[in-house]
PDB file of N, CA and C in Angstrom:
ATOM      1  N   MET A   1     110.920 107.024  35.507  1.00  0.00           N
ATOM      2  CA  MET A   1     111.437 106.127  36.780  1.00  0.00           C
ATOM      3  C   MET A   1     111.682 104.764  36.211  1.00  0.00           C
ATOM      4  N   ALA A   2     112.287 104.134  36.868  1.00  0.00           N
ATOM      5  CA  ALA A   2     112.898 102.923  36.744  1.00  0.00           C
ATOM      6  C   ALA A   2     112.226 101.882  37.084  1.00  0.00           C
ATOM      7  N   LEU A   3     112.219 100.889  36.027  1.00  0.00           N
ATOM      8  CA  LEU A   3     111.207  99.592  35.605  1.00  0.00           C
ATOM      9  C   LEU A   3     111.612  98.610  36.810  1.00  0.00           C
ATOM     10  N   VAL A   4     110.720  97.956  37.789  1.00  0.00           N
ATOM     11  CA  VAL A   4     111.151  97.129  38.453  1.00  0.00           C
ATOM     12  C   VAL A   4     110.394  96.156  37.840  1.00  0.00           C
ATOM     13  N   ASP A   5     111.557  94.868  38.124  1.00  0.00           N
ATOM     14  CA  ASP A   5     111.400  93.520  37.375  1.00  0.00           C
ATOM     15  C   ASP A   5     110.789  92.780  38.622  1.00  0.00           C
ATOM     16  N   LEU A   6     109.362  92.410  38.516  1.00  0.00           N
ATOM     17  CA  LEU A   6     108.784  91.716  39.633  1.00  0.00           C
ATOM     18  C   LEU A   6     108.917  90.020  39.512  1.00  0.00           C
ATOM     19  N   GLU A   7     109.428  89.555  38.308  1.00  0.00           N
ATOM     20  CA  GLU A   7     109.536  87.803  38.133  1.00  0.00           C
ATOM     21  C   GLU A   7     110.843  87.344  39.284  1.00  0.00           C
ATOM     22  N   PRO A   8     110.509  86.452  39.737  1.00  0.00           N
ATOM     23  CA  PRO A   8     111.325  86.022  40.936  1.00  0.00           C
ATOM     24  C   PRO A   8     112.810  85.498  40.326  1.00  0.00           C
ATOM     25  N   ILE A   9     113.947  85.498  40.789  1.00  0.00           N
ATOM     26  CA  ILE A   9     114.923  85.368  39.964  1.00  0.00           C
ATOM     27  C   ILE A   9     114.992  83.313  40.315  1.00  0.00           C
ATOM     28  N   ARG A  10     115.199  83.017  39.381  1.00  0.00           N
ATOM     29  CA  ARG A  10     115.517  81.639  39.176  1.00  0.00           C
ATOM     30  C   ARG A  10     116.680  80.888  39.409  1.00  0.00           C
ATOM     31  N   SER A  11     117.728  81.464  39.483  1.00  0.00           N
ATOM     32  CA  SER A  11     119.524  81.000  38.891  1.00  0.00           C
ATOM     33  C   SER A  11     119.746  79.948  40.450  1.00  0.00           C
ATOM     34  N   PRO A  12     120.218  79.237  40.566  1.00  0.00           N
ATOM     35  CA  PRO A  12     121.226  79.025  41.377  1.00  0.00           C
ATOM     36  C   PRO A  12     121.545  79.701  42.251  1.00  0.00           C
ATOM     37  N   ALA A  13     122.245  80.901  41.889  1.00  0.00           N
ATOM     38  CA  ALA A  13     123.107  81.852  42.667  1.00  0.00           C
ATOM     39  C   ALA A  13     122.063  82.824  43.591  1.00  0.00           C
ATOM     40  N   ALA A  14     120.685  82.409  43.382  1.00  0.00           N
ATOM     41  CA  ALA A  14     119.883  83.659  44.058  1.00  0.00           C
ATOM     42  C   ALA A  14     119.024  82.686  45.342  1.00  0.00           C
ATOM     43  N   TRP A  15     119.987  82.814  46.740  1.00  0.00           N
ATOM     44  CA  TRP A  15     119.342  81.658  47.453  1.00  0.00           C
ATOM     45  C   TRP A  15     119.832  82.678  48.871  1.00  0.00           C
ATOM     46  N   ARG A  16     118.915  82.483  49.777  1.00  0.00           N
ATOM     47  CA  ARG A  16     119.117  82.400  50.709  1.00  0.00           C
ATOM     48  C   ARG A  16     119.731  81.752  51.743  1.00  0.00           C
ATOM     49  N   SER A  17     120.353  82.230  52.740  1.00  0.00           N
ATOM     50  CA  SER A  17     120.680  81.432  54.320  1.00  0.00           C
ATOM     51  C   SER A  17     120.082  80.305  54.360  1.00  0.00           C
ATOM     52  N   ASP A  18     118.747  80.626  54.696  1.00  0.00           N
ATOM     53  CA  ASP A  18     117.681  79.247  55.215  1.00  0.00           C
ATOM     54  C   ASP A  18     117.102  78.437  54.528  1.00  0.00           C
ATOM     55  N   GLN A  19     117.848  78.450  52.836  1.00  0.00           N
ATOM     56  CA  GLN A  19     117.216  77.722  51.948  1.00  0.00           C
ATOM     57  C   GLN A  19     118.101  76.953  51.813  1.00  0.00           C
ATOM     58  N   ILE A  20     119.772  77.091  51.769  1.00  0.00           N
ATOM     59  CA  ILE A  20     120.424  76.225  51.890  1.00  0.00           C
ATOM     60  C   ILE A  20     120.868  75.313  53.183  1.00  0.00           C
ATOM     61  N   GLY A  21     120.612  75.777  54.015  1.00  0.00           N
ATOM     62  CA  GLY A  21     121.133  75.386  55.408  1.00  0.00           C
ATOM     63  C   GLY A  21     122.478  76.037  55.940  1.00  0.00           C
ATOM     64  N   GLY A  22     122.123  77.555  55.636  1.00  0.00           N
ATOM     65  CA  GLY A  22     123.373  78.232  56.396  1.00  0.00           C
ATOM     66  C   GLY A  22     124.635  77.857  55.721  1.00  0.00           C
ATOM     67  N   LYS A  23     125.974  78.380  56.480  1.00  0.00           N
ATOM     68  CA  LYS A  23     126.998  77.970  55.933  1.00  0.00           C
ATOM     69  C   LYS A  23     127.094  76.809  55.781  1.00  0.00           C
ATOM     70  N   ALA A  24     126.792  75.573  56.297  1.00  0.00           N
ATOM     71  CA  ALA A  24     126.483  73.839  55.724  1.00  0.00           C
ATOM     72  C   ALA A  24     126.299  74.100  54.892  1.00  0.00           C
ATOM     73  N   GLY A  25     125.514  74.644  53.809  1.00  0.00           N
ATOM     74  CA  GLY A  25     125.136  73.852  52.389  1.00  0.00           C
ATOM     75  C   GLY A  25     125.856  74.987  51.538  1.00  0.00           C
ATOM     76  N   LEU A  26     127.009  75.769  52.108  1.00  0.00           N
ATOM     77  CA  LEU A  26     128.319  76.158  50.899  1.00  0.00           C
ATOM     78  C   LEU A  26     129.027  75.391  51.453  1.00  0.00           C
ATOM     79  N   THR A  27     129.500  74.615  52.125  1.00  0.00           N
ATOM     80  CA  THR A  27     130.735  73.842  52.682  1.00  0.00           C
ATOM     81  C   THR A  27     130.908  72.247  51.872  1.00  0.00           C
ATOM     82  N   ARG A  28     132.344  72.120  51.546  1.00  0.00           N
ATOM     83  CA  ARG A  28     132.844  71.619  51.019  1.00  0.00           C
ATOM     84  C   ARG A  28     133.735  70.649  52.019  1.00  0.00           C
ATOM     85  N   ALA A  29     133.715  69.660  52.668  1.00  0.00           N
ATOM     86  CA  ALA A  29     134.590  69.089  53.689  1.00  0.00           C
ATOM     87  C   ALA A  29     135.806  68.246  52.589  1.00  0.00           C
ATOM     88  N   LEU A  30     137.395  68.507  52.765  1.00  0.00           N
ATOM     89  CA  LEU A  30     138.070  67.994  52.119  1.00  0.00           C
ATOM     90  C   LEU A  30     138.136  66.459  52.858  1.00  0.00           C
ATOM     91  N   GLN A  31     138.823  65.461  51.910  1.00  0.00           N
ATOM     92  CA  GLN A  31     138.535  64.225  52.140  1.00  0.00           C
ATOM     93  C   GLN A  31     139.914  63.610  52.382  1.00  0.00           C
ATOM     94  N   GLU A  32     140.292  62.807  53.190  1.00  0.00           N
ATOM     95  CA  GLU A  32     142.048  62.251  53.588  1.00  0.00           C
ATOM     96  C   GLU A  32     142.840  62.266  52.361  1.00  0.00           C
ATOM     97  N   PRO A  33     141.866  61.431  51.302  1.00  0.00           N
ATOM     98  CA  PRO A  33     142.949  61.491  49.792  1.00  0.00           C
ATOM     99  C   PRO A  33     143.006  62.295  49.349  1.00  0.00           C
ATOM    100  N   GLU A  34     142.024  63.653  49.488  1.00  0.00           N
ATOM    101  CA  GLU A  34     142.644  65.224  49.192  1.00  0.00           C
ATOM    102  C   GLU A  34     143.561  65.557  49.482  1.00  0.00           C
ATOM    103  N   VAL A  35     143.511  65.707  51.134  1.00  0.00           N
ATOM    104  CA  VAL A  35     144.600  66.172  52.053  1.00  0.00           C
ATOM    105  C   VAL A  35     146.134  65.742  51.591  1.00  0.00           C
ATOM    106  N   ALA A  36     145.954  64.571  51.221  1.00  0.00           N
ATOM    107  CA  ALA A  36     146.949  63.493  51.070  1.00  0.00           C
ATOM    108  C   ALA A  36     147.919  64.257  50.032  1.00  0.00           C
ATOM    109  N   ALA A  37     146.889  64.541  48.786  1.00  0.00           N
ATOM    110  CA  ALA A  37     147.596  65.100  47.527  1.00  0.00           C
ATOM    111  C   ALA A  37     147.927  66.478  47.468  1.00  0.00           C
ATOM    112  N   LEU A  38     147.305  66.852  48.543  1.00  0.00           N
ATOM    113  CA  LEU A  38     147.576  68.719  48.680  1.00  0.00           C
ATOM    114  C   LEU A  38     148.920  68.663  49.622  1.00  0.00           C
ATOM    115  N   GLU A  39     149.327  67.568  50.652  1.00  0.00           N
ATOM    116  CA  GLU A  39     150.561  67.311  50.623  1.00  0.00           C
ATOM    117  C   GLU A  39     151.684  66.814  49.975  1.00  0.00           C
ATOM    118  N   ALA A  40     151.136  66.290  49.019  1.00  0.00           N
ATOM    119  CA  ALA A  40     152.270  65.677  47.845  1.00  0.00           C
ATOM    120  C   ALA A  40     152.666  66.985  46.901  1.00  0.00           C
ATOM    121  N   MET A  41     151.658  67.712  47.037  1.00  0.00           N
ATOM    122  CA  MET A  41     152.003  69.071  45.769  1.00  0.00           C
ATOM    123  C   MET A  41     152.755  69.853  46.780  1.00  0.00           C
ATOM    124  N   LEU A  42     152.750  70.173  47.869  1.00  0.00           N
ATOM    125  CA  LEU A  42     153.931  70.921  48.564  1.00  0.00           C
ATOM    126  C   LEU A  42     155.110  70.491  49.014  1.00  0.00           C
ATOM    127  N   ALA A  43     155.055  68.857  48.621  1.00  0.00           N
ATOM    128  CA  ALA A  43     156.376  68.142  48.657  1.00  0.00           C
ATOM    129  C   ALA A  43     157.031  68.306  47.158  1.00  0.00           C
ATOM    130  N   ALA A  44     156.212  68.385  46.312  1.00  0.00           N
ATOM    131  CA  ALA A  44     156.911  68.476  44.536  1.00  0.00           C
ATOM    132  C   ALA A  44     156.831  69.643  44.371  1.00  0.00           C
ATOM    133  N   THR A  45     156.368  70.775  45.088  1.00  0.00           N
ATOM    134  CA  THR A  45     156.858  72.033  44.543  1.00  0.00           C
ATOM    135  C   THR A  45     157.223  72.920  45.388  1.00  0.00           C
ATOM    136  N   ALA A  46     157.928  71.926  46.341  1.00  0.00           N
ATOM    137  CA  ALA A  46     158.728  72.900  47.443  1.00  0.00           C
ATOM    138  C   ALA A  46     159.880  73.828  47.368  1.00  0.00           C
ATOM    139  N   ALA A  47     160.541  73.722  46.086  1.00  0.00           N
ATOM    140  CA  ALA A  47     161.444  74.741  45.499  1.00  0.00           C
ATOM    141  C   ALA A  47     160.946  75.920  44.872  1.00  0.00           C
ATOM    142  N   LYS A  48     159.657  75.971  44.605  1.00  0.00           N
ATOM    143  CA  LYS A  48     159.156  77.566  44.145  1.00  0.00           C
ATOM    144  C   LYS A  48     158.526  78.185  45.497  1.00  0.00           C
ATOM    145  N   ALA A  49     158.874  79.178  44.524  1.00  0.00           N
ATOM    146  CA  ALA A  49     157.883  80.184  45.308  1.00  0.00           C
ATOM    147  C   ALA A  49     156.329  80.235  45.129  1.00  0.00           C
ATOM    148  N   THR A  50     155.579  80.646  46.279  1.00  0.00           N
ATOM    149  CA  THR A  50     154.767  80.342  46.242  1.00  0.00           C
ATOM    150  C   THR A  50     153.691  81.203  45.237  1.00  0.00           C
ATOM    151  N   LEU A  51     154.019  82.185  45.065  1.00  0.00           N
ATOM    152  CA  LEU A  51     153.395  82.919  43.803  1.00  0.00           C
ATOM    153  C   LEU A  51     153.797  81.967  42.273  1.00  0.00           C
ATOM    154  N   ASP A  52     154.996  81.487  42.270  1.00  0.00           N
ATOM    155  CA  ASP A  52     155.159  80.438  41.255  1.00  0.00           C
ATOM    156  C   ASP A  52     154.601  79.387  40.734  1.00  0.00           C
ATOM    157  N   ILE A  53     153.782  79.098  41.978  1.00  0.00           N
ATOM    158  CA  ILE A  53     153.229  77.499  41.722  1.00  0.00           C
ATOM    159  C   ILE A  53     152.187  77.857  40.684  1.00  0.00           C
ATOM    160  N   GLN A  54     152.077  76.921  39.857  1.00  0.00           N
ATOM    161  CA  GLN A  54     150.926  76.866  38.455  1.00  0.00           C
ATOM    162  C   GLN A  54     150.457  75.122  38.582  1.00  0.00           C
ATOM    163  N   PRO A  55     149.392  75.304  38.052  1.00  0.00           N
ATOM    164  CA  PRO A  55     148.608  73.872  38.250  1.00  0.00           C
ATOM    165  C   PRO A  55     149.570  72.894  37.190  1.00  0.00           C
ATOM    166  N   GLU A  56     150.299  73.367  36.434  1.00  0.00           N
ATOM    167  CA  GLU A  56     151.114  72.190  35.803  1.00  0.00           C
ATOM    168  C   GLU A  56     152.187  71.825  36.745  1.00  0.00           C
ATOM    169  N   ASP A  57     152.469  72.395  37.440  1.00  0.00           N
ATOM    170  CA  ASP A  57     153.599  72.062  38.458  1.00  0.00           C
ATOM    171  C   ASP A  57     152.889  70.379  39.002  1.00  0.00           C
ATOM    172  N   PHE A  58     152.057  70.472  39.440  1.00  0.00           N
ATOM    173  CA  PHE A  58     151.613  69.211  40.009  1.00  0.00           C
ATOM    174  C   PHE A  58     149.938  68.638  39.466  1.00  0.00           C
ATOM    175  N   ARG A  59     150.390  67.696  38.717  1.00  0.00           N
ATOM    176  CA  ARG A  59     149.166  66.796  38.191  1.00  0.00           C
ATOM    177  C   ARG A  59     147.992  65.787  39.436  1.00  0.00           C
ATOM    178  N   ASP A  60     147.034  66.198  39.611  1.00  0.00           N
ATOM    179  CA  ASP A  60     146.662  65.070  40.299  1.00  0.00           C
ATOM    180  C   ASP A  60     144.938  64.930  40.170  1.00  0.00           C
ATOM    181  N   ALA A  61     144.585  63.609  39.504  1.00  0.00           N
ATOM    182  CA  ALA A  61     142.982  63.677  39.064  1.00  0.00           C
ATOM    183  C   ALA A  61     141.871  63.788  39.988  1.00  0.00           C
ATOM    184  N   MET A  62     142.535  63.443  40.923  1.00  0.00           N
ATOM    185  CA  MET A  62     141.710  64.000  42.410  1.00  0.00           C
ATOM    186  C   MET A  62     141.448  65.705  42.654  1.00  0.00           C
ATOM    187  N   LEU A  63     142.263  66.029  42.875  1.00  0.00           N
ATOM    188  CA  LEU A  63     142.404  67.669  42.578  1.00  0.00           C
ATOM    189  C   LEU A  63     141.875  68.022  41.809  1.00  0.00           C
ATOM    190  N   GLY A  64     142.186  67.798  40.224  1.00  0.00           N
ATOM    191  CA  GLY A  64     141.555  68.046  39.550  1.00  0.00           C
ATOM    192  C   GLY A  64     139.931  68.113  39.381  1.00  0.00           C
ATOM    193  N   GLU A  65     138.992  67.026  39.517  1.00  0.00           N
ATOM    194  CA  GLU A  65     137.711  66.666  40.056  1.00  0.00           C
ATOM    195  C   GLU A  65     137.400  68.095  40.751  1.00  0.00           C
ATOM    196  N   LEU A  66     137.922  68.104  41.943  1.00  0.00           N
ATOM    197  CA  LEU A  66     137.964  68.755  43.318  1.00  0.00           C
ATOM    198  C   LEU A  66     137.345  70.609  42.628  1.00  0.00           C
ATOM    199  N   ALA A  67     138.662  70.584  42.026  1.00  0.00           N
ATOM    200  CA  ALA A  67     138.552  72.108  40.940  1.00  0.00           C
ATOM    201  C   ALA A  67     137.317  72.044  40.177  1.00  0.00           C
ATOM    202  N   ARG A  68     136.924  71.382  39.328  1.00  0.00           N
ATOM    203  CA  ARG A  68     136.189  71.351  38.681  1.00  0.00           C
ATOM    204  C   ARG A  68     134.859  71.656  39.040  1.00  0.00           C
ATOM    205  N   ALA A  69     134.573  70.984  39.952  1.00  0.00           N
ATOM    206  CA  ALA A  69     133.515  70.660  40.486  1.00  0.00           C
ATOM    207  C   ALA A  69     133.257  72.485  41.186  1.00  0.00           C
ATOM    208  N   CYS A  70     134.421  72.466  41.824  1.00  0.00           N
ATOM    209  CA  CYS A  70     134.534  73.733  42.563  1.00  0.00           C
ATOM    210  C   CYS A  70     134.075  74.937  41.683  1.00  0.00           C
ATOM    211  N   GLN A  71     134.749  75.048  40.452  1.00  0.00           N
ATOM    212  CA  GLN A  71     134.667  76.087  39.270  1.00  0.00           C
ATOM    213  C   GLN A  71     133.288  75.689  39.179  1.00  0.00           C
ATOM    214  N   ASN A  72     132.470  74.615  38.691  1.00  0.00           N
ATOM    215  CA  ASN A  72     131.444  75.049  37.912  1.00  0.00           C
ATOM    216  C   ASN A  72     129.818  75.876  38.976  1.00  0.00           C
ATOM    217  N   GLU A  73     130.595  75.034  40.803  1.00  0.00           N
ATOM    218  CA  GLU A  73     129.664  75.690  41.710  1.00  0.00           C
ATOM    219  C   GLU A  73     130.014  77.203  41.462  1.00  0.00           C
ATOM    220  N   LEU A  74     130.836  77.918  41.508  1.00  0.00           N
ATOM    221  CA  LEU A  74     131.312  78.825  41.438  1.00  0.00           C
ATOM    222  C   LEU A  74     130.623  79.831  40.483  1.00  0.00           C
ATOM    223  N   VAL A  75     130.834  79.155  38.934  1.00  0.00           N
ATOM    224  CA  VAL A  75     130.314  80.101  37.764  1.00  0.00           C
ATOM    225  C   VAL A  75     128.697  79.548  37.814  1.00  0.00           C
ATOM    226  N   ASN A  76     128.210  78.463  37.530  1.00  0.00           N
ATOM    227  CA  ASN A  76     127.045  77.818  37.219  1.00  0.00           C
ATOM    228  C   ASN A  76     126.342  77.574  38.247  1.00  0.00           C
ATOM    229  N   GLY A  77     126.619  77.609  39.853  1.00  0.00           N
ATOM    230  CA  GLY A  77     125.723  77.236  41.490  1.00  0.00           C
ATOM    231  C   GLY A  77     125.132  78.471  41.782  1.00  0.00           C
ATOM    232  N   ARG A  78     125.645  77.877  43.050  1.00  0.00           N
ATOM    233  CA  ARG A  78     125.587  79.159  44.217  1.00  0.00           C
ATOM    234  C   ARG A  78     126.067  80.208  44.393  1.00  0.00           C
ATOM    235  N   GLY A  79     127.865  80.187  43.495  1.00  0.00           N
ATOM    236  CA  GLY A  79     128.415  81.359  43.397  1.00  0.00           C
ATOM    237  C   GLY A  79     129.143  81.388  44.854  1.00  0.00           C
ATOM    238  N   ALA A  80     128.814  80.531  45.319  1.00  0.00           N
ATOM    239  CA  ALA A  80     130.373  80.260  46.754  1.00  0.00           C
ATOM    240  C   ALA A  80     130.475  78.894  47.257  1.00  0.00           C
ATOM    241  N   ALA A  81     131.783  78.774  47.457  1.00  0.00           N
ATOM    242  CA  ALA A  81     132.179  77.324  48.144  1.00  0.00           C
ATOM    243  C   ALA A  81     132.858  77.370  49.382  1.00  0.00           C
ATOM    244  N   ILE A  82     132.954  76.989  50.237  1.00  0.00           N
ATOM    245  CA  ILE A  82     133.972  76.870  51.376  1.00  0.00           C
ATOM    246  C   ILE A  82     134.580  75.438  51.515  1.00  0.00           C
ATOM    247  N   PHE A  83     136.001  75.737  51.288  1.00  0.00           N
ATOM    248  CA  PHE A  83     136.209  74.251  51.812  1.00  0.00           C
ATOM    249  C   PHE A  83     136.767  73.655  53.837  1.00  0.00           C
ATOM    250  N   THR A  84     136.209  73.404  53.944  1.00  0.00           N
ATOM    251  CA  THR A  84     136.954  72.845  55.020  1.00  0.00           C
ATOM    252  C   THR A  84     138.004  71.265  55.338  1.00  0.00           C
ATOM    253  N   GLY A  85     138.475  71.219  56.213  1.00  0.00           N
ATOM    254  CA  GLY A  85     139.626  69.779  56.348  1.00  0.00           C
ATOM    255  C   GLY A  85     140.762  70.286  56.975  1.00  0.00           C
ATOM    256  N   LEU A  86     141.415  71.633  56.332  1.00  0.00           N
ATOM    257  CA  LEU A  86     142.789  72.043  56.616  1.00  0.00           C
ATOM    258  C   LEU A  86     143.001  72.528  57.903  1.00  0.00           C
ATOM    259  N   ASP A  87     143.966  71.972  58.930  1.00  0.00           N
ATOM    260  CA  ASP A  87     144.619  73.036  59.985  1.00  0.00           C
ATOM    261  C   ASP A  87     145.888  73.611  59.345  1.00  0.00           C
ATOM    262  N   PRO A  88     145.578  74.790  59.776  1.00  0.00           N
ATOM    263  CA  PRO A  88     146.818  75.670  59.439  1.00  0.00           C
ATOM    264  C   PRO A  88     147.341  75.372  60.278  1.00  0.00           C
ATOM    265  N   ASP A  89     147.405  75.312  61.692  1.00  0.00           N
ATOM    266  CA  ASP A  89     148.355  74.662  62.227  1.00  0.00           C
ATOM    267  C   ASP A  89     149.268  73.329  61.998  1.00  0.00           C
ATOM    268  N   ARG A  90     148.854  72.576  61.165  1.00  0.00           N
ATOM    269  CA  ARG A  90     149.453  71.500  60.978  1.00  0.00           C
ATOM    270  C   ARG A  90     150.261  71.521  59.571  1.00  0.00           C
ATOM    271  N   TYR A  91     150.271  72.726  59.120  1.00  0.00           N
ATOM    272  CA  TYR A  91     151.070  72.901  58.057  1.00  0.00           C
ATOM    273  C   TYR A  91     152.038  74.203  58.162  1.00  0.00           C
ATOM    274  N   GLY A  92     151.638  75.053  58.934  1.00  0.00           N
ATOM    275  CA  GLY A  92     152.487  76.280  59.123  1.00  0.00           C
ATOM    276  C   GLY A  92     151.658  77.648  58.139  1.00  0.00           C
ATOM    277  N   LYS A  93     152.054  78.544  58.344  1.00  0.00           N
ATOM    278  CA  LYS A  93     151.725  79.753  57.685  1.00  0.00           C
ATOM    279  C   LYS A  93     151.543  79.680  55.938  1.00  0.00           C
ATOM    280  N   ASP A  94     153.259  79.446  56.158  1.00  0.00           N
ATOM    281  CA  ASP A  94     153.525  79.386  54.450  1.00  0.00           C
ATOM    282  C   ASP A  94     152.996  78.227  53.435  1.00  0.00           C
ATOM    283  N   ASP A  95     153.063  77.197  54.103  1.00  0.00           N
ATOM    284  CA  ASP A  95     152.453  75.686  53.529  1.00  0.00           C
ATOM    285  C   ASP A  95     150.857  75.822  53.253  1.00  0.00           C
ATOM    286  N   PHE A  96     150.150  76.348  54.410  1.00  0.00           N
ATOM    287  CA  PHE A  96     148.599  76.652  54.250  1.00  0.00           C
ATOM    288  C   PHE A  96     148.533  78.141  52.933  1.00  0.00           C
ATOM    289  N   CYS A  97     149.342  78.727  52.809  1.00  0.00           N
ATOM    290  CA  CYS A  97     149.336  80.156  51.895  1.00  0.00           C
ATOM    291  C   CYS A  97     149.553  79.093  50.668  1.00  0.00           C
ATOM    292  N   ARG A  98     150.238  78.481  50.947  1.00  0.00           N
ATOM    293  CA  ARG A  98     150.747  77.470  49.336  1.00  0.00           C
ATOM    294  C   ARG A  98     149.499  76.682  48.995  1.00  0.00           C
ATOM    295  N   ILE A  99     148.711  76.010  49.499  1.00  0.00           N
ATOM    296  CA  ILE A  99     147.466  74.863  49.463  1.00  0.00           C
ATOM    297  C   ILE A  99     146.782  75.763  48.798  1.00  0.00           C
ATOM    298  N   TYR A 100     146.169  76.783  49.559  1.00  0.00           N
ATOM    299  CA  TYR A 100     145.192  77.836  49.048  1.00  0.00           C
ATOM    300  C   TYR A 100     145.588  78.324  47.488  1.00  0.00           C
ATOM    301  N   TRP A 101     147.106  78.582  47.473  1.00  0.00           N
ATOM    302  CA  TRP A 101     147.130  79.442  46.333  1.00  0.00           C
ATOM    303  C   TRP A 101     147.081  78.371  45.002  1.00  0.00           C
ATOM    304  N   TYR A 102     147.346  76.976  45.340  1.00  0.00           N
ATOM    305  CA  TYR A 102     147.325  76.088  44.503  1.00  0.00           C
ATOM    306  C   TYR A 102     145.845  76.121  44.138  1.00  0.00           C
ATOM    307  N   LEU A 103     145.196  75.799  45.018  1.00  0.00           N
ATOM    308  CA  LEU A 103     143.827  75.942  45.079  1.00  0.00           C
ATOM    309  C   LEU A 103     143.178  76.632  44.055  1.00  0.00           C
ATOM    310  N   GLY A 104     143.436  77.914  44.409  1.00  0.00           N
ATOM    311  CA  GLY A 104     143.211  79.069  43.617  1.00  0.00           C
ATOM    312  C   GLY A 104     143.395  78.649  42.140  1.00  0.00           C
ATOM    313  N   GLN A 105     144.500  78.110  41.853  1.00  0.00           N
ATOM    314  CA  GLN A 105     145.174  78.211  40.136  1.00  0.00           C
ATOM    315  C   GLN A 105     144.618  77.247  39.568  1.00  0.00           C
ATOM    316  N   LEU A 106     143.895  75.971  40.399  1.00  0.00           N
ATOM    317  CA  LEU A 106     143.547  75.145  39.613  1.00  0.00           C
ATOM    318  C   LEU A 106     141.860  75.713  39.510  1.00  0.00           C
ATOM    319  N   ILE A 107     141.521  75.859  40.273  1.00  0.00           N
ATOM    320  CA  ILE A 107     140.144  76.519  39.749  1.00  0.00           C
ATOM    321  C   ILE A 107     139.877  77.481  38.749  1.00  0.00           C
ATOM    322  N   GLY A 108     140.875  78.396  38.807  1.00  0.00           N
ATOM    323  CA  GLY A 108     140.588  79.259  37.902  1.00  0.00           C
ATOM    324  C   GLY A 108     141.147  80.636  38.151  1.00  0.00           C
ATOM    325  N   LYS A 109     141.233  81.561  37.310  1.00  0.00           N
ATOM    326  CA  LYS A 109     141.888  82.908  37.181  1.00  0.00           C
ATOM    327  C   LYS A 109     140.915  84.168  36.862  1.00  0.00           C
TER     328      LYS A 109
END
């Protein structure tokens, strides 16, 4: 017979949607300066293929802090994060993919 632990889980990752305010509780809206920095990254890495873009190809303190905060939330917090504030139609599919690839590279492998 398997033992069942009846103690409540007290980790920040043990949440229910109603406890955190639903999807909005996981959402982080990108601010205009962050969007501008991502656009600068697109310009700085224009000659590279998307999958070749690495964090060292474009450094920005604000984006670095965004990535560290997101990484902390994923590892030590709720375990999920949703970014809003980027309109795929503004960039087109390729640039939109490049932004998300770059953010993923900053957050970690």
